């Protein structure tokens, strides 16, 4: 049985099961978009799920451009919506 681990997304406290990806944790909490495009500010989230595209980029603990589909969620991670080419906000 997996235990739950805490994290935050844009300041909101959430929990997810241990040993999952960041994308899995966000989707499990009802978050479907965590990045916006440089042009048009269009929302993006999980698309390919295997690291081939860049739709799932997110800022993790202040570091932008992390692929949420590949990165494991760590206890206490601070996830932030990424704007455009790496601006966090």
C-alpha atoms as a PDB file:
ATOM      1  CA  UNK A   1       0.000   0.000   0.000  1.00  0.00           C
ATOM      2  CA  UNK A   2       1.394   3.395  -0.995  1.00  0.00           C
ATOM      3  CA  UNK A   3       1.563   6.164   1.531  1.00  0.00           C
ATOM      4  CA  UNK A   4       0.577   9.722   0.692  1.00  0.00           C
ATOM      5  CA  UNK A   5       3.113  12.508   0.427  1.00  0.00           C
ATOM      6  CA  UNK A   6       2.453  16.251   0.715  1.00  0.00           C
ATOM      7  CA  UNK A   7       3.276  18.892  -1.889  1.00  0.00           C
ATOM      8  CA  UNK A   8       2.006  22.306  -2.940  1.00  0.00           C
ATOM      9  CA  UNK A   9       0.810  23.601  -6.288  1.00  0.00           C
ATOM     10  CA  UNK A  10       0.655  27.379  -6.651  1.00  0.00           C
ATOM     11  CA  UNK A  11       0.451  27.633  -2.868  1.00  0.00           C
ATOM     12  CA  UNK A  12      -2.351  25.088  -2.408  1.00  0.00           C
ATOM     13  CA  UNK A  13      -1.504  22.101  -0.222  1.00  0.00           C
ATOM     14  CA  UNK A  14      -2.159  18.722  -1.824  1.00  0.00           C
ATOM     15  CA  UNK A  15      -1.285  15.055  -1.314  1.00  0.00           C
ATOM     16  CA  UNK A  16      -0.493  12.273  -3.756  1.00  0.00           C
ATOM     17  CA  UNK A  17       0.477   8.652  -3.568  1.00  0.00           C
ATOM     18  CA  UNK A  18       4.133   7.854  -3.138  1.00  0.00           C
ATOM     19  CA  UNK A  19       6.276   6.835  -6.114  1.00  0.00           C
ATOM     20  CA  UNK A  20       4.325   8.682  -8.808  1.00  0.00           C
ATOM     21  CA  UNK A  21       5.260  11.382 -11.287  1.00  0.00           C
ATOM     22  CA  UNK A  22       4.493  15.050 -10.805  1.00  0.00           C
ATOM     23  CA  UNK A  23       1.964  14.855 -13.657  1.00  0.00           C
ATOM     24  CA  UNK A  24       0.228  11.919 -11.985  1.00  0.00           C
ATOM     25  CA  UNK A  25       0.046  13.829  -8.693  1.00  0.00           C
ATOM     26  CA  UNK A  26      -1.452  16.923 -10.323  1.00  0.00           C
ATOM     27  CA  UNK A  27      -4.008  15.012 -12.372  1.00  0.00           C
ATOM     28  CA  UNK A  28      -4.954  13.013  -9.274  1.00  0.00           C
ATOM     29  CA  UNK A  29      -5.748  16.325  -7.593  1.00  0.00           C
ATOM     30  CA  UNK A  30      -7.864  17.546 -10.502  1.00  0.00           C
ATOM     31  CA  UNK A  31      -5.220  19.849 -12.023  1.00  0.00           C
ATOM     32  CA  UNK A  32      -5.154  19.406 -15.805  1.00  0.00           C
ATOM     33  CA  UNK A  33      -3.048  22.423 -16.849  1.00  0.00           C
ATOM     34  CA  UNK A  34       0.141  23.750 -15.228  1.00  0.00           C
ATOM     35  CA  UNK A  35       1.833  25.667 -18.025  1.00  0.00           C
ATOM     36  CA  UNK A  36       0.787  28.352 -20.489  1.00  0.00           C
ATOM     37  CA  UNK A  37       2.215  28.971 -23.945  1.00  0.00           C
ATOM     38  CA  UNK A  38       4.533  31.880 -24.783  1.00  0.00           C
ATOM     39  CA  UNK A  39       2.154  33.142 -27.433  1.00  0.00           C
ATOM     40  CA  UNK A  40      -1.517  33.329 -26.594  1.00  0.00           C
ATOM     41  CA  UNK A  41      -1.147  32.211 -22.943  1.00  0.00           C
ATOM     42  CA  UNK A  42      -2.924  28.925 -23.786  1.00  0.00           C
ATOM     43  CA  UNK A  43      -3.075  26.285 -21.019  1.00  0.00           C
ATOM     44  CA  UNK A  44      -1.038  23.084 -21.317  1.00  0.00           C
ATOM     45  CA  UNK A  45      -0.629  19.943 -19.236  1.00  0.00           C
ATOM     46  CA  UNK A  46       0.023  16.294 -19.972  1.00  0.00           C
ATOM     47  CA  UNK A  47       0.057  15.410 -23.681  1.00  0.00           C
ATOM     48  CA  UNK A  48       2.397  12.572 -24.659  1.00  0.00           C
ATOM     49  CA  UNK A  49       3.258  11.292 -21.185  1.00  0.00           C
ATOM     50  CA  UNK A  50       6.680   9.947 -22.261  1.00  0.00           C
ATOM     51  CA  UNK A  51       8.903  13.032 -22.354  1.00  0.00           C
ATOM     52  CA  UNK A  52       8.859  13.510 -26.133  1.00  0.00           C
ATOM     53  CA  UNK A  53       6.972  16.807 -26.134  1.00  0.00           C
ATOM     54  CA  UNK A  54       7.266  19.823 -23.855  1.00  0.00           C
ATOM     55  CA  UNK A  55       3.634  20.490 -22.985  1.00  0.00           C
ATOM     56  CA  UNK A  56       3.996  19.349 -19.369  1.00  0.00           C
ATOM     57  CA  UNK A  57       6.787  21.727 -18.302  1.00  0.00           C
ATOM     58  CA  UNK A  58       6.450  23.011 -14.739  1.00  0.00           C
ATOM     59  CA  UNK A  59       8.554  24.850 -12.158  1.00  0.00           C
ATOM     60  CA  UNK A  60       9.659  22.579  -9.313  1.00  0.00           C
ATOM     61  CA  UNK A  61      11.208  24.117  -6.197  1.00  0.00           C
ATOM     62  CA  UNK A  62      12.038  27.242  -8.204  1.00  0.00           C
ATOM     63  CA  UNK A  63      13.562  25.391 -11.170  1.00  0.00           C
ATOM     64  CA  UNK A  64      11.600  25.925 -14.412  1.00  0.00           C
ATOM     65  CA  UNK A  65      11.316  23.618 -17.415  1.00  0.00           C
ATOM     66  CA  UNK A  66      10.917  20.317 -15.547  1.00  0.00           C
ATOM     67  CA  UNK A  67       8.988  17.658 -17.493  1.00  0.00           C
ATOM     68  CA  UNK A  68       6.177  16.692 -15.132  1.00  0.00           C
ATOM     69  CA  UNK A  69       5.588  13.367 -16.873  1.00  0.00           C
ATOM     70  CA  UNK A  70       9.141  12.175 -16.134  1.00  0.00           C
ATOM     71  CA  UNK A  71      10.000  13.814 -12.808  1.00  0.00           C
ATOM     72  CA  UNK A  72       9.106  11.926  -9.649  1.00  0.00           C
ATOM     73  CA  UNK A  73       7.170  13.795  -6.989  1.00  0.00           C
ATOM     74  CA  UNK A  74       9.204  14.270  -3.811  1.00  0.00           C
ATOM     75  CA  UNK A  75       7.734  15.016  -0.370  1.00  0.00           C
ATOM     76  CA  UNK A  76       7.394  18.758   0.154  1.00  0.00           C
ATOM     77  CA  UNK A  77       7.869  19.700  -3.518  1.00  0.00           C
ATOM     78  CA  UNK A  78       6.726  23.229  -4.323  1.00  0.00           C
ATOM     79  CA  UNK A  79       5.180  23.156  -7.789  1.00  0.00           C
ATOM     80  CA  UNK A  80       4.353  26.380  -9.627  1.00  0.00           C
ATOM     81  CA  UNK A  81       2.566  27.123 -12.881  1.00  0.00           C
ATOM     82  CA  UNK A  82       5.090  27.932 -15.578  1.00  0.00           C
ATOM     83  CA  UNK A  83       4.398  30.825 -17.929  1.00  0.00           C
ATOM     84  CA  UNK A  84       5.830  30.825 -21.438  1.00  0.00           C
ATOM     85  CA  UNK A  85       9.515  29.953 -21.604  1.00  0.00           C
ATOM     86  CA  UNK A  86      10.159  29.527 -17.901  1.00  0.00           C
ATOM     87  CA  UNK A  87       8.638  32.431 -16.014  1.00  0.00           C
ATOM     88  CA  UNK A  88       7.083  31.271 -12.807  1.00  0.00           C
ATOM     89  CA  UNK A  89       3.884  32.814 -11.591  1.00  0.00           C
END
